[in-house]
Amino acid sequence: ENKLKQTEAMILSMTVQERRKPLILNASRRKRIADGSGTTVRD
């Protein structure tokens, strides 16, 4: 259940553009998403 919540948090930390175009998710964007969702870049 926590894994599911973690996944939802990562997606919510993305911008609308990033959700619609996953290919633009570069290293800096991934770092921001990890920080915003309380996860790691690896996640």
PDB file of all heavy atoms in Angstrom:
ATOM      1  N   GLU A   1       0.837  -1.203   0.000  1.00  0.00           N
ATOM      2  CA  GLU A   1       0.000   0.000   0.000  1.00  0.00           C
ATOM      3  C   GLU A   1       0.873   1.254   0.000  1.00  0.00           C
ATOM      4  O   GLU A   1       0.589   2.236  -0.684  1.00  0.00           O
ATOM      5  CB  GLU A   1      -0.914  -0.001   1.233  1.00  0.00           C
ATOM      6  CG  GLU A   1      -1.991  -1.079   1.221  1.00  0.00           C
ATOM      7  CD  GLU A   1      -3.061  -0.844   0.177  1.00  0.00           C
ATOM      8  OE1 GLU A   1      -3.194   0.301  -0.310  1.00  0.00           O
ATOM      9  OE2 GLU A   1      -3.756  -1.813  -0.174  1.00  0.00           O
ATOM     10  N   ASN A   2       1.950   1.222   0.785  1.00  0.00           N
ATOM     11  CA  ASN A   2       2.864   2.369   0.844  1.00  0.00           C
ATOM     12  C   ASN A   2       3.567   2.588  -0.492  1.00  0.00           C
ATOM     13  O   ASN A   2       3.840   3.723  -0.887  1.00  0.00           O
ATOM     14  CB  ASN A   2       3.893   2.177   1.958  1.00  0.00           C
ATOM     15  CG  ASN A   2       3.271   2.269   3.344  1.00  0.00           C
ATOM     16  OD1 ASN A   2       2.236   2.900   3.510  1.00  0.00           O
ATOM     17  ND2 ASN A   2       3.890   1.640   4.327  1.00  0.00           N
ATOM     18  N   LYS A   3       3.872   1.483  -1.174  1.00  0.00           N
ATOM     19  CA  LYS A   3       4.508   1.583  -2.485  1.00  0.00           C
ATOM     20  C   LYS A   3       3.573   2.274  -3.480  1.00  0.00           C
ATOM     21  O   LYS A   3       3.996   3.095  -4.303  1.00  0.00           O
ATOM     22  CB  LYS A   3       4.877   0.183  -2.988  1.00  0.00           C
ATOM     23  CG  LYS A   3       5.740   0.162  -4.236  1.00  0.00           C
ATOM     24  CD  LYS A   3       7.132   0.681  -3.955  1.00  0.00           C
ATOM     25  CE  LYS A   3       8.023   0.549  -5.185  1.00  0.00           C
ATOM     26  NZ  LYS A   3       9.349   1.151  -4.958  1.00  0.00           N
ATOM     27  N   LEU A   4       2.286   1.948  -3.369  1.00  0.00           N
ATOM     28  CA  LEU A   4       1.293   2.572  -4.241  1.00  0.00           C
ATOM     29  C   LEU A   4       1.204   4.072  -3.958  1.00  0.00           C
ATOM     30  O   LEU A   4       1.148   4.907  -4.878  1.00  0.00           O
ATOM     31  CB  LEU A   4      -0.068   1.911  -4.008  1.00  0.00           C
ATOM     32  CG  LEU A   4      -1.135   2.104  -5.091  1.00  0.00           C
ATOM     33  CD1 LEU A   4      -0.703   1.451  -6.390  1.00  0.00           C
ATOM     34  CD2 LEU A   4      -2.455   1.519  -4.626  1.00  0.00           C
ATOM     35  N   LYS A   5       1.201   4.456  -2.672  1.00  0.00           N
ATOM     36  CA  LYS A   5       1.165   5.872  -2.296  1.00  0.00           C
ATOM     37  C   LYS A   5       2.426   6.591  -2.775  1.00  0.00           C
ATOM     38  O   LYS A   5       2.365   7.748  -3.208  1.00  0.00           O
ATOM     39  CB  LYS A   5       1.044   5.991  -0.777  1.00  0.00           C
ATOM     40  CG  LYS A   5      -0.288   5.523  -0.222  1.00  0.00           C
ATOM     41  CD  LYS A   5      -0.308   5.606   1.291  1.00  0.00           C
ATOM     42  CE  LYS A   5      -1.619   5.069   1.856  1.00  0.00           C
ATOM     43  NZ  LYS A   5      -1.626   5.074   3.345  1.00  0.00           N
ATOM     44  N   GLN A   6       3.561   5.902  -2.691  1.00  0.00           N
ATOM     45  CA  GLN A   6       4.825   6.487  -3.128  1.00  0.00           C
ATOM     46  C   GLN A   6       4.796   6.770  -4.628  1.00  0.00           C
ATOM     47  O   GLN A   6       5.248   7.828  -5.089  1.00  0.00           O
ATOM     48  CB  GLN A   6       5.968   5.530  -2.786  1.00  0.00           C
ATOM     49  CG  GLN A   6       7.356   6.089  -3.043  1.00  0.00           C
ATOM     50  CD  GLN A   6       8.427   5.054  -2.765  1.00  0.00           C
ATOM     51  OE1 GLN A   6       8.589   4.084  -3.502  1.00  0.00           O
ATOM     52  NE2 GLN A   6       9.170   5.258  -1.676  1.00  0.00           N
ATOM     53  N   THR A   7       4.243   5.826  -5.381  1.00  0.00           N
ATOM     54  CA  THR A   7       4.137   6.013  -6.829  1.00  0.00           C
ATOM     55  C   THR A   7       3.232   7.196  -7.154  1.00  0.00           C
ATOM     56  O   THR A   7       3.544   8.023  -8.020  1.00  0.00           O
ATOM     57  CB  THR A   7       3.581   4.734  -7.491  1.00  0.00           C
ATOM     58  OG1 THR A   7       4.463   3.655  -7.224  1.00  0.00           O
ATOM     59  CG2 THR A   7       3.423   4.909  -8.992  1.00  0.00           C
ATOM     60  N   GLU A   8       2.115   7.300  -6.449  1.00  0.00           N
ATOM     61  CA  GLU A   8       1.198   8.421  -6.667  1.00  0.00           C
ATOM     62  C   GLU A   8       1.883   9.744  -6.340  1.00  0.00           C
ATOM     63  O   GLU A   8       1.725  10.736  -7.062  1.00  0.00           O
ATOM     64  CB  GLU A   8      -0.054   8.253  -5.797  1.00  0.00           C
ATOM     65  CG  GLU A   8      -1.101   9.326  -6.031  1.00  0.00           C
ATOM     66  CD  GLU A   8      -2.371   9.085  -5.234  1.00  0.00           C
ATOM     67  OE1 GLU A   8      -2.383   8.184  -4.376  1.00  0.00           O
ATOM     68  OE2 GLU A   8      -3.358   9.809  -5.470  1.00  0.00           O
ATOM     69  N   ALA A   9       2.670   9.773  -5.258  1.00  0.00           N
ATOM     70  CA  ALA A   9       3.377  10.996  -4.864  1.00  0.00           C
ATOM     71  C   ALA A   9       4.375  11.420  -5.942  1.00  0.00           C
ATOM     72  O   ALA A   9       4.507  12.615  -6.245  1.00  0.00           O
ATOM     73  CB  ALA A   9       4.098  10.782  -3.537  1.00  0.00           C
ATOM     74  N   MET A  10       5.075  10.452  -6.537  1.00  0.00           N
ATOM     75  CA  MET A  10       6.047  10.781  -7.591  1.00  0.00           C
ATOM     76  C   MET A  10       5.350  11.374  -8.820  1.00  0.00           C
ATOM     77  O   MET A  10       5.822  12.340  -9.405  1.00  0.00           O
ATOM     78  CB  MET A  10       6.847   9.529  -7.973  1.00  0.00           C
ATOM     79  CG  MET A  10       7.891   9.138  -6.940  1.00  0.00           C
ATOM     80  SD  MET A  10       9.006   7.802  -7.488  1.00  0.00           S
ATOM     81  CE  MET A  10       7.951   6.368  -7.263  1.00  0.00           C
ATOM     82  N   ILE A  11       4.214  10.795  -9.187  1.00  0.00           N
ATOM     83  CA  ILE A  11       3.492  11.311 -10.356  1.00  0.00           C
ATOM     84  C   ILE A  11       2.935  12.700 -10.074  1.00  0.00           C
ATOM     85  O   ILE A  11       2.966  13.592 -10.938  1.00  0.00           O
ATOM     86  CB  ILE A  11       2.359  10.338 -10.756  1.00  0.00           C
ATOM     87  CG1 ILE A  11       2.956   8.974 -11.154  1.00  0.00           C
ATOM     88  CG2 ILE A  11       1.539  10.903 -11.911  1.00  0.00           C
ATOM     89  CD1 ILE A  11       1.918   7.901 -11.436  1.00  0.00           C
ATOM     90  N   LEU A  12       2.435  12.922  -8.850  1.00  0.00           N
ATOM     91  CA  LEU A  12       1.894  14.232  -8.482  1.00  0.00           C
ATOM     92  C   LEU A  12       2.980  15.307  -8.431  1.00  0.00           C
ATOM     93  O   LEU A  12       2.696  16.498  -8.550  1.00  0.00           O
ATOM     94  CB  LEU A  12       1.183  14.152  -7.128  1.00  0.00           C
ATOM     95  CG  LEU A  12      -0.160  13.407  -7.127  1.00  0.00           C
ATOM     96  CD1 LEU A  12      -0.665  13.222  -5.704  1.00  0.00           C
ATOM     97  CD2 LEU A  12      -1.195  14.146  -7.969  1.00  0.00           C
ATOM     98  N   SER A  13       4.238  14.877  -8.236  1.00  0.00           N
ATOM     99  CA  SER A  13       5.350  15.832  -8.201  1.00  0.00           C
ATOM    100  C   SER A  13       5.804  16.249  -9.594  1.00  0.00           C
ATOM    101  O   SER A  13       6.637  17.137  -9.747  1.00  0.00           O
ATOM    102  CB  SER A  13       6.538  15.229  -7.434  1.00  0.00           C
ATOM    103  OG  SER A  13       6.208  15.058  -6.078  1.00  0.00           O
ATOM    104  N   MET A  14       5.260  15.598 -10.616  1.00  0.00           N
ATOM    105  CA  MET A  14       5.571  15.972 -11.996  1.00  0.00           C
ATOM    106  C   MET A  14       4.663  17.117 -12.433  1.00  0.00           C
ATOM    107  O   MET A  14       3.550  17.259 -11.940  1.00  0.00           O
ATOM    108  CB  MET A  14       5.340  14.776 -12.938  1.00  0.00           C
ATOM    109  CG  MET A  14       6.203  13.573 -12.651  1.00  0.00           C
ATOM    110  SD  MET A  14       5.749  12.186 -13.763  1.00  0.00           S
ATOM    111  CE  MET A  14       6.729  10.849 -13.088  1.00  0.00           C
ATOM    112  N   THR A  15       5.134  17.897 -13.375  1.00  0.00           N
ATOM    113  CA  THR A  15       4.277  18.910 -13.989  1.00  0.00           C
ATOM    114  C   THR A  15       3.346  18.214 -14.969  1.00  0.00           C
ATOM    115  O   THR A  15       3.570  17.049 -15.349  1.00  0.00           O
ATOM    116  CB  THR A  15       5.099  19.957 -14.740  1.00  0.00           C
ATOM    117  OG1 THR A  15       5.770  19.324 -15.843  1.00  0.00           O
ATOM    118  CG2 THR A  15       6.131  20.607 -13.820  1.00  0.00           C
ATOM    119  N   VAL A  16       2.296  18.906 -15.382  1.00  0.00           N
ATOM    120  CA  VAL A  16       1.356  18.334 -16.354  1.00  0.00           C
ATOM    121  C   VAL A  16       2.090  17.950 -17.637  1.00  0.00           C
ATOM    122  O   VAL A  16       1.860  16.884 -18.221  1.00  0.00           O
ATOM    123  CB  VAL A  16       0.222  19.330 -16.662  1.00  0.00           C
ATOM    124  CG1 VAL A  16      -0.668  18.793 -17.785  1.00  0.00           C
ATOM    125  CG2 VAL A  16      -0.607  19.598 -15.412  1.00  0.00           C
ATOM    126  N   GLN A  17       3.015  18.808 -18.066  1.00  0.00           N
ATOM    127  CA  GLN A  17       3.782  18.529 -19.288  1.00  0.00           C
ATOM    128  C   GLN A  17       4.617  17.269 -19.121  1.00  0.00           C
ATOM    129  O   GLN A  17       4.714  16.450 -20.049  1.00  0.00           O
ATOM    130  CB  GLN A  17       4.674  19.719 -19.628  1.00  0.00           C
ATOM    131  CG  GLN A  17       5.411  19.560 -20.956  1.00  0.00           C
ATOM    132  CD  GLN A  17       6.357  20.723 -21.223  1.00  0.00           C
ATOM    133  OE1 GLN A  17       6.810  21.384 -20.283  1.00  0.00           O
ATOM    134  NE2 GLN A  17       6.645  20.989 -22.491  1.00  0.00           N
ATOM    135  N   GLU A  18       5.223  17.099 -17.956  1.00  0.00           N
ATOM    136  CA  GLU A  18       6.068  15.918 -17.707  1.00  0.00           C
ATOM    137  C   GLU A  18       5.243  14.640 -17.682  1.00  0.00           C
ATOM    138  O   GLU A  18       5.693  13.590 -18.152  1.00  0.00           O
ATOM    139  CB  GLU A  18       6.812  16.090 -16.382  1.00  0.00           C
ATOM    140  CG  GLU A  18       7.924  17.132 -16.459  1.00  0.00           C
ATOM    141  CD  GLU A  18       8.465  17.507 -15.099  1.00  0.00           C
ATOM    142  OE1 GLU A  18       7.814  17.193 -14.068  1.00  0.00           O
ATOM    143  OE2 GLU A  18       9.546  18.126 -15.044  1.00  0.00           O
ATOM    144  N   ARG A  19       4.034  14.718 -17.158  1.00  0.00           N
ATOM    145  CA  ARG A  19       3.170  13.527 -17.123  1.00  0.00           C
ATOM    146  C   ARG A  19       2.760  13.123 -18.534  1.00  0.00           C
ATOM    147  O   ARG A  19       2.650  11.942 -18.837  1.00  0.00           O
ATOM    148  CB  ARG A  19       1.920  13.813 -16.289  1.00  0.00           C
ATOM    149  CG  ARG A  19       2.174  13.968 -14.804  1.00  0.00           C
ATOM    150  CD  ARG A  19       0.859  14.246 -14.085  1.00  0.00           C
ATOM    151  NE  ARG A  19       1.079  15.045 -12.893  1.00  0.00           N
ATOM    152  CZ  ARG A  19       0.134  15.695 -12.246  1.00  0.00           C
ATOM    153  NH1 ARG A  19      -1.110  15.658 -12.696  1.00  0.00           N
ATOM    154  NH2 ARG A  19       0.409  16.391 -11.167  1.00  0.00           N
ATOM    155  N   ARG A  20       2.515  14.134 -19.364  1.00  0.00           N
ATOM    156  CA  ARG A  20       2.057  13.838 -20.722  1.00  0.00           C
ATOM    157  C   ARG A  20       3.197  13.468 -21.668  1.00  0.00           C
ATOM    158  O   ARG A  20       2.984  12.778 -22.656  1.00  0.00           O
ATOM    159  CB  ARG A  20       1.293  15.057 -21.278  1.00  0.00           C
ATOM    160  CG  ARG A  20      -0.014  15.315 -20.546  1.00  0.00           C
ATOM    161  CD  ARG A  20      -0.702  16.572 -21.034  1.00  0.00           C
ATOM    162  NE  ARG A  20      -1.974  16.786 -20.342  1.00  0.00           N
ATOM    163  CZ  ARG A  20      -2.718  17.874 -20.457  1.00  0.00           C
ATOM    164  NH1 ARG A  20      -2.303  18.864 -21.264  1.00  0.00           N
ATOM    165  NH2 ARG A  20      -3.853  17.997 -19.795  1.00  0.00           N
ATOM    166  N   LYS A  21       4.404  13.952 -21.347  1.00  0.00           N
ATOM    167  CA  LYS A  21       5.566  13.663 -22.203  1.00  0.00           C
ATOM    168  C   LYS A  21       6.720  13.159 -21.332  1.00  0.00           C
ATOM    169  O   LYS A  21       7.660  13.909 -21.017  1.00  0.00           O
ATOM    170  CB  LYS A  21       5.988  14.911 -22.977  1.00  0.00           C
ATOM    171  CG  LYS A  21       4.920  15.420 -23.936  1.00  0.00           C
ATOM    172  CD  LYS A  21       5.403  16.668 -24.679  1.00  0.00           C
ATOM    173  CE  LYS A  21       4.352  17.165 -25.652  1.00  0.00           C
ATOM    174  NZ  LYS A  21       4.803  18.386 -26.379  1.00  0.00           N
ATOM    175  N   PRO A  22       6.681  11.898 -20.919  1.00  0.00           N
ATOM    176  CA  PRO A  22       7.710  11.337 -20.029  1.00  0.00           C
ATOM    177  C   PRO A  22       9.122  11.426 -20.603  1.00  0.00           C
ATOM    178  O   PRO A  22      10.089  11.414 -19.844  1.00  0.00           O
ATOM    179  CB  PRO A  22       7.273   9.872 -19.870  1.00  0.00           C
ATOM    180  CG  PRO A  22       5.814   9.867 -20.183  1.00  0.00           C
ATOM    181  CD  PRO A  22       5.625  10.906 -21.226  1.00  0.00           C
ATOM    182  N   LEU A  23       9.250  11.562 -21.927  1.00  0.00           N
ATOM    183  CA  LEU A  23      10.578  11.587 -22.545  1.00  0.00           C
ATOM    184  C   LEU A  23      11.379  12.835 -22.155  1.00  0.00           C
ATOM    185  O   LEU A  23      12.613  12.846 -22.283  1.00  0.00           O
ATOM    186  CB  LEU A  23      10.448  11.524 -24.077  1.00  0.00           C
ATOM    187  CG  LEU A  23       9.915  10.189 -24.641  1.00  0.00           C
ATOM    188  CD1 LEU A  23       9.758  10.291 -26.151  1.00  0.00           C
ATOM    189  CD2 LEU A  23      10.853   9.041 -24.284  1.00  0.00           C
ATOM    190  N   ILE A  24      10.707  13.876 -21.656  1.00  0.00           N
ATOM    191  CA  ILE A  24      11.442  15.102 -21.291  1.00  0.00           C
ATOM    192  C   ILE A  24      11.999  15.032 -19.861  1.00  0.00           C
ATOM    193  O   ILE A  24      12.616  15.992 -19.394  1.00  0.00           O
ATOM    194  CB  ILE A  24      10.542  16.350 -21.431  1.00  0.00           C
ATOM    195  CG1 ILE A  24       9.434  16.334 -20.366  1.00  0.00           C
ATOM    196  CG2 ILE A  24       9.956  16.436 -22.825  1.00  0.00           C
ATOM    197  CD1 ILE A  24       8.621  17.622 -20.328  1.00  0.00           C
ATOM    198  N   LEU A  25      11.787  13.911 -19.194  1.00  0.00           N
ATOM    199  CA  LEU A  25      12.236  13.788 -17.805  1.00  0.00           C
ATOM    200  C   LEU A  25      13.745  13.541 -17.743  1.00  0.00           C
ATOM    201  O   LEU A  25      14.223  12.415 -17.678  1.00  0.00           O
ATOM    202  CB  LEU A  25      11.474  12.640 -17.107  1.00  0.00           C
ATOM    203  CG  LEU A  25       9.993  12.918 -16.833  1.00  0.00           C
ATOM    204  CD1 LEU A  25       9.275  11.659 -16.381  1.00  0.00           C
ATOM    205  CD2 LEU A  25       9.843  14.020 -15.799  1.00  0.00           C
ATOM    206  N   ASN A  26      14.507  14.627 -17.755  1.00  0.00           N
ATOM    207  CA  ASN A  26      15.968  14.537 -17.671  1.00  0.00           C
ATOM    208  C   ASN A  26      16.416  14.443 -16.201  1.00  0.00           C
ATOM    209  O   ASN A  26      15.580  14.378 -15.284  1.00  0.00           O
ATOM    210  CB  ASN A  26      16.625  15.723 -18.374  1.00  0.00           C
ATOM    211  CG  ASN A  26      16.143  17.060 -17.803  1.00  0.00           C
ATOM    212  OD1 ASN A  26      15.733  17.146 -16.650  1.00  0.00           O
ATOM    213  ND2 ASN A  26      16.212  18.106 -18.617  1.00  0.00           N
ATOM    214  N   ALA A  27      17.718  14.465 -15.977  1.00  0.00           N
ATOM    215  CA  ALA A  27      18.279  14.263 -14.633  1.00  0.00           C
ATOM    216  C   ALA A  27      17.805  15.308 -13.627  1.00  0.00           C
ATOM    217  O   ALA A  27      17.445  14.985 -12.486  1.00  0.00           O
ATOM    218  CB  ALA A  27      19.800  14.253 -14.706  1.00  0.00           C
ATOM    219  N   SER A  28      17.807  16.584 -14.028  1.00  0.00           N
ATOM    220  CA  SER A  28      17.407  17.641 -13.085  1.00  0.00           C
ATOM    221  C   SER A  28      15.924  17.553 -12.733  1.00  0.00           C
ATOM    222  O   SER A  28      15.528  17.796 -11.581  1.00  0.00           O
ATOM    223  CB  SER A  28      17.722  19.016 -13.689  1.00  0.00           C
ATOM    224  OG  SER A  28      16.987  19.226 -14.883  1.00  0.00           O
ATOM    225  N   ARG A  29      15.117  17.203 -13.715  1.00  0.00           N
ATOM    226  CA  ARG A  29      13.679  17.049 -13.462  1.00  0.00           C
ATOM    227  C   ARG A  29      13.436  15.868 -12.515  1.00  0.00           C
ATOM    228  O   ARG A  29      12.592  15.950 -11.610  1.00  0.00           O
ATOM    229  CB  ARG A  29      12.915  16.831 -14.771  1.00  0.00           C
ATOM    230  CG  ARG A  29      12.851  18.070 -15.675  1.00  0.00           C
ATOM    231  CD  ARG A  29      12.192  17.733 -17.001  1.00  0.00           C
ATOM    232  NE  ARG A  29      12.193  18.851 -17.931  1.00  0.00           N
ATOM    233  CZ  ARG A  29      11.191  19.716 -18.071  1.00  0.00           C
ATOM    234  NH1 ARG A  29      10.106  19.582 -17.317  1.00  0.00           N
ATOM    235  NH2 ARG A  29      11.267  20.696 -18.947  1.00  0.00           N
ATOM    236  N   ARG A  30      14.159  14.800 -12.718  1.00  0.00           N
ATOM    237  CA  ARG A  30      14.002  13.622 -11.859  1.00  0.00           C
ATOM    238  C   ARG A  30      14.409  13.932 -10.422  1.00  0.00           C
ATOM    239  O   ARG A  30      13.795  13.449  -9.469  1.00  0.00           O
ATOM    240  CB  ARG A  30      14.822  12.453 -12.419  1.00  0.00           C
ATOM    241  CG  ARG A  30      14.353  12.009 -13.793  1.00  0.00           C
ATOM    242  CD  ARG A  30      15.110  10.804 -14.315  1.00  0.00           C
ATOM    243  NE  ARG A  30      14.761  10.526 -15.707  1.00  0.00           N
ATOM    244  CZ  ARG A  30      14.902   9.350 -16.304  1.00  0.00           C
ATOM    245  NH1 ARG A  30      15.430   8.338 -15.634  1.00  0.00           N
ATOM    246  NH2 ARG A  30      14.558   9.180 -17.558  1.00  0.00           N
ATOM    247  N   LYS A  31      15.462  14.744 -10.267  1.00  0.00           N
ATOM    248  CA  LYS A  31      15.902  15.130  -8.924  1.00  0.00           C
ATOM    249  C   LYS A  31      14.816  15.959  -8.241  1.00  0.00           C
ATOM    250  O   LYS A  31      14.521  15.776  -7.058  1.00  0.00           O
ATOM    251  CB  LYS A  31      17.188  15.947  -9.039  1.00  0.00           C
ATOM    252  CG  LYS A  31      17.734  16.491  -7.700  1.00  0.00           C
ATOM    253  CD  LYS A  31      18.216  15.358  -6.811  1.00  0.00           C
ATOM    254  CE  LYS A  31      19.033  15.866  -5.626  1.00  0.00           C
ATOM    255  NZ  LYS A  31      18.291  16.784  -4.744  1.00  0.00           N
ATOM    256  N   ARG A  32      14.186  16.864  -8.984  1.00  0.00           N
ATOM    257  CA  ARG A  32      13.125  17.693  -8.421  1.00  0.00           C
ATOM    258  C   ARG A  32      11.924  16.838  -8.012  1.00  0.00           C
ATOM    259  O   ARG A  32      11.320  17.048  -6.957  1.00  0.00           O
ATOM    260  CB  ARG A  32      12.689  18.733  -9.451  1.00  0.00           C
ATOM    261  CG  ARG A  32      11.792  19.828  -8.868  1.00  0.00           C
ATOM    262  CD  ARG A  32      10.964  20.530  -9.918  1.00  0.00           C
ATOM    263  NE  ARG A  32       9.868  19.719 -10.388  1.00  0.00           N
ATOM    264  CZ  ARG A  32       9.777  19.214 -11.613  1.00  0.00           C
ATOM    265  NH1 ARG A  32      10.723  19.427 -12.507  1.00  0.00           N
ATOM    266  NH2 ARG A  32       8.733  18.493 -11.946  1.00  0.00           N
ATOM    267  N   ILE A  33      11.584  15.863  -8.837  1.00  0.00           N
ATOM    268  CA  ILE A  33      10.458  14.967  -8.560  1.00  0.00           C
ATOM    269  C   ILE A  33      10.732  14.145  -7.296  1.00  0.00           C
ATOM    270  O   ILE A  33       9.853  13.976  -6.439  1.00  0.00           O
ATOM    271  CB  ILE A  33      10.191  14.042  -9.761  1.00  0.00           C
ATOM    272  CG1 ILE A  33       9.665  14.854 -10.946  1.00  0.00           C
ATOM    273  CG2 ILE A  33       9.203  12.931  -9.394  1.00  0.00           C
ATOM    274  CD1 ILE A  33       9.656  14.114 -12.262  1.00  0.00           C
ATOM    275  N   ALA A  34      11.959  13.651  -7.163  1.00  0.00           N
ATOM    276  CA  ALA A  34      12.332  12.869  -5.986  1.00  0.00           C
ATOM    277  C   ALA A  34      12.231  13.715  -4.720  1.00  0.00           C
ATOM    278  O   ALA A  34      11.690  13.278  -3.694  1.00  0.00           O
ATOM    279  CB  ALA A  34      13.751  12.319  -6.147  1.00  0.00           C
ATOM    280  N   ASP A  35      12.729  14.940  -4.789  1.00  0.00           N
ATOM    281  CA  ASP A  35      12.672  15.837  -3.634  1.00  0.00           C
ATOM    282  C   ASP A  35      11.225  16.179  -3.269  1.00  0.00           C
ATOM    283  O   ASP A  35      10.862  16.248  -2.092  1.00  0.00           O
ATOM    284  CB  ASP A  35      13.444  17.124  -3.920  1.00  0.00           C
ATOM    285  CG  ASP A  35      14.946  16.890  -4.042  1.00  0.00           C
ATOM    286  OD1 ASP A  35      15.408  15.833  -3.544  1.00  0.00           O
ATOM    287  OD2 ASP A  35      15.645  17.738  -4.638  1.00  0.00           O
ATOM    288  N   GLY A  36      10.425  16.382  -4.282  1.00  0.00           N
ATOM    289  CA  GLY A  36       9.032  16.773  -4.047  1.00  0.00           C
ATOM    290  C   GLY A  36       8.160  15.660  -3.516  1.00  0.00           C
ATOM    291  O   GLY A  36       7.136  15.916  -2.873  1.00  0.00           O
ATOM    292  N   SER A  37       8.546  14.412  -3.782  1.00  0.00           N
ATOM    293  CA  SER A  37       7.729  13.269  -3.358  1.00  0.00           C
ATOM    294  C   SER A  37       8.296  12.529  -2.153  1.00  0.00           C
ATOM    295  O   SER A  37       7.719  11.530  -1.701  1.00  0.00           O
ATOM    296  CB  SER A  37       7.565  12.284  -4.525  1.00  0.00           C
ATOM    297  OG  SER A  37       8.835  11.819  -4.967  1.00  0.00           O
ATOM    298  N   GLY A  38       9.434  13.001  -1.659  1.00  0.00           N
ATOM    299  CA  GLY A  38      10.038  12.334  -0.515  1.00  0.00           C
ATOM    300  C   GLY A  38      10.623  10.981  -0.853  1.00  0.00           C
ATOM    301  O   GLY A  38      10.702  10.093   0.001  1.00  0.00           O
ATOM    302  N   THR A  39      11.025  10.810  -2.107  1.00  0.00           N
ATOM    303  CA  THR A  39      11.623   9.549  -2.555  1.00  0.00           C
ATOM    304  C   THR A  39      13.054   9.823  -3.014  1.00  0.00           C
ATOM    305  O   THR A  39      13.580  10.918  -2.841  1.00  0.00           O
ATOM    306  CB  THR A  39      10.798   8.942  -3.704  1.00  0.00           C
ATOM    307  OG1 THR A  39      10.757   9.883  -4.798  1.00  0.00           O
ATOM    308  CG2 THR A  39       9.375   8.642  -3.251  1.00  0.00           C
ATOM    309  N   THR A  40      13.678   8.823  -3.614  1.00  0.00           N
ATOM    310  CA  THR A  40      15.027   8.984  -4.135  1.00  0.00           C
ATOM    311  C   THR A  40      15.000   9.034  -5.654  1.00  0.00           C
ATOM    312  O   THR A  40      14.009   8.628  -6.285  1.00  0.00           O
ATOM    313  CB  THR A  40      15.922   7.808  -3.696  1.00  0.00           C
ATOM    314  OG1 THR A  40      15.433   6.594  -4.304  1.00  0.00           O
ATOM    315  CG2 THR A  40      15.917   7.646  -2.181  1.00  0.00           C
ATOM    316  N   VAL A  41      16.090   9.515  -6.236  1.00  0.00           N
ATOM    317  CA  VAL A  41      16.201   9.544  -7.698  1.00  0.00           C
ATOM    318  C   VAL A  41      16.125   8.121  -8.243  1.00  0.00           C
ATOM    319  O   VAL A  41      15.568   7.879  -9.318  1.00  0.00           O
ATOM    320  CB  VAL A  41      17.528  10.216  -8.122  1.00  0.00           C
ATOM    321  CG1 VAL A  41      17.728  10.102  -9.633  1.00  0.00           C
ATOM    322  CG2 VAL A  41      17.534  11.689  -7.701  1.00  0.00           C
ATOM    323  N   ARG A  42      16.662   7.195  -7.488  1.00  0.00           N
ATOM    324  CA  ARG A  42      16.611   5.787  -7.907  1.00  0.00           C
ATOM    325  C   ARG A  42      15.156   5.311  -8.027  1.00  0.00           C
ATOM    326  O   ARG A  42      14.820   4.595  -8.974  1.00  0.00           O
ATOM    327  CB  ARG A  42      17.357   4.923  -6.893  1.00  0.00           C
ATOM    328  CG  ARG A  42      17.384   3.449  -7.252  1.00  0.00           C
ATOM    329  CD  ARG A  42      18.142   2.652  -6.198  1.00  0.00           C
ATOM    330  NE  ARG A  42      18.137   1.232  -6.515  1.00  0.00           N
ATOM    331  CZ  ARG A  42      18.677   0.294  -5.745  1.00  0.00           C
ATOM    332  NH1 ARG A  42      19.271   0.624  -4.598  1.00  0.00           N
ATOM    333  NH2 ARG A  42      18.621  -0.982  -6.096  1.00  0.00           N
ATOM    334  N   ASP A  43      14.307   5.714  -7.077  1.00  0.00           N
ATOM    335  CA  ASP A  43      12.887   5.337  -7.145  1.00  0.00           C
ATOM    336  C   ASP A  43      12.233   5.926  -8.392  1.00  0.00           C
ATOM    337  O   ASP A  43      11.464   5.251  -9.085  1.00  0.00           O
ATOM    338  CB  ASP A  43      12.153   5.836  -5.897  1.00  0.00           C
ATOM    339  CG  ASP A  43      12.587   5.129  -4.626  1.00  0.00           C
ATOM    340  OD1 ASP A  43      12.940   3.942  -4.705  1.00  0.00           O
ATOM    341  OD2 ASP A  43      12.579   5.777  -3.558  1.00  0.00           O
TER     342      ASP A  43
END
